């Protein structure tokens, strides 16, 4: 869906960042009710590695500057 002349909310954020390069976009994971599901992800080294790789992939593919997580 178009947002502020860009495709989707992420597109709008990335366009805003291009216009104002000092802005930092951080992917926020967890917090609130979502944190109760983290035990499954943290249960083994394999699931932790998969989660980390997936989160890193999202950041690199989307143009975010980093990750903030609250678990």
Protein backbone atom coordinates (compact mmCIF):
# COMPACT_ATOMS: atom_id res chain seq x y z
CA UNK A 1 0.00 0.00 0.00
CA UNK A 2 1.37 3.45 -0.84
CA UNK A 3 2.60 5.53 2.10
CA UNK A 4 3.84 9.09 1.59
CA UNK A 5 4.44 8.44 -2.12
CA UNK A 6 6.49 5.26 -1.52
CA UNK A 7 5.51 1.59 -1.62
CA UNK A 8 4.66 0.47 1.92
CA UNK A 9 5.77 1.72 5.31
CA UNK A 10 9.30 0.35 4.93
CA UNK A 11 9.66 2.09 1.59
CA UNK A 12 8.50 5.32 3.19
CA UNK A 13 11.05 4.96 6.02
CA UNK A 14 13.89 4.22 3.62
CA UNK A 15 12.95 7.20 1.46
CA UNK A 16 12.90 9.42 4.54
CA UNK A 17 16.35 8.12 5.49
CA UNK A 18 17.67 8.92 2.00
CA UNK A 19 16.41 12.49 2.40
CA UNK A 20 17.84 12.80 5.94
CA UNK A 21 20.94 10.60 6.07
CA UNK A 22 21.59 11.30 9.75
CA UNK A 23 18.50 9.24 10.70
CA UNK A 24 19.09 5.72 11.99
CA UNK A 25 16.57 2.94 11.37
CA UNK A 26 16.62 0.22 14.00
CA UNK A 27 14.68 -3.05 13.76
CA UNK A 28 13.04 -3.64 17.13
CA UNK A 29 12.38 -7.26 18.11
CA UNK A 30 10.47 -8.41 21.16
CA UNK A 31 9.23 -6.47 24.13
CA UNK A 32 5.77 -6.59 25.62
CA UNK A 33 3.75 -9.73 24.97
CA UNK A 34 6.13 -10.95 22.24
CA UNK A 35 8.87 -11.68 24.77
CA UNK A 36 6.96 -14.66 26.15
CA UNK A 37 7.70 -16.55 22.90
CA UNK A 38 11.45 -16.09 23.10
CA UNK A 39 12.01 -19.22 25.22
CA UNK A 40 11.37 -21.36 22.14
CA UNK A 41 13.91 -19.43 20.10
CA UNK A 42 16.48 -19.49 22.91
CA UNK A 43 16.04 -23.22 23.56
CA UNK A 44 19.00 -24.42 21.49
CA UNK A 45 22.11 -23.16 19.79
CA UNK A 46 20.61 -24.02 16.39
CA UNK A 47 17.46 -21.95 16.93
CA UNK A 48 19.47 -19.04 18.37
CA UNK A 49 21.82 -19.12 15.37
CA UNK A 50 18.87 -19.26 12.97
CA UNK A 51 17.20 -16.32 14.71
CA UNK A 52 20.42 -14.27 14.62
CA UNK A 53 21.06 -15.04 10.97
CA UNK A 54 17.46 -14.23 10.03
CA UNK A 55 17.49 -10.93 11.93
CA UNK A 56 20.82 -9.96 10.39
CA UNK A 57 19.48 -10.83 6.93
CA UNK A 58 16.44 -8.60 7.43
CA UNK A 59 18.66 -5.70 8.52
CA UNK A 60 21.04 -6.10 5.60
CA UNK A 61 18.30 -6.58 3.00
CA UNK A 62 16.14 -3.71 4.16
CA UNK A 63 18.65 -0.96 4.87
CA UNK A 64 18.21 -0.82 8.64
CA UNK A 65 21.18 0.33 10.72
CA UNK A 66 20.91 -2.23 13.49
CA UNK A 67 18.78 -4.30 15.83
CA UNK A 68 17.23 -3.55 19.21
CA UNK A 69 15.84 -6.51 21.11
CA UNK A 70 14.06 -6.89 24.43
CA UNK A 71 13.67 -10.43 25.63
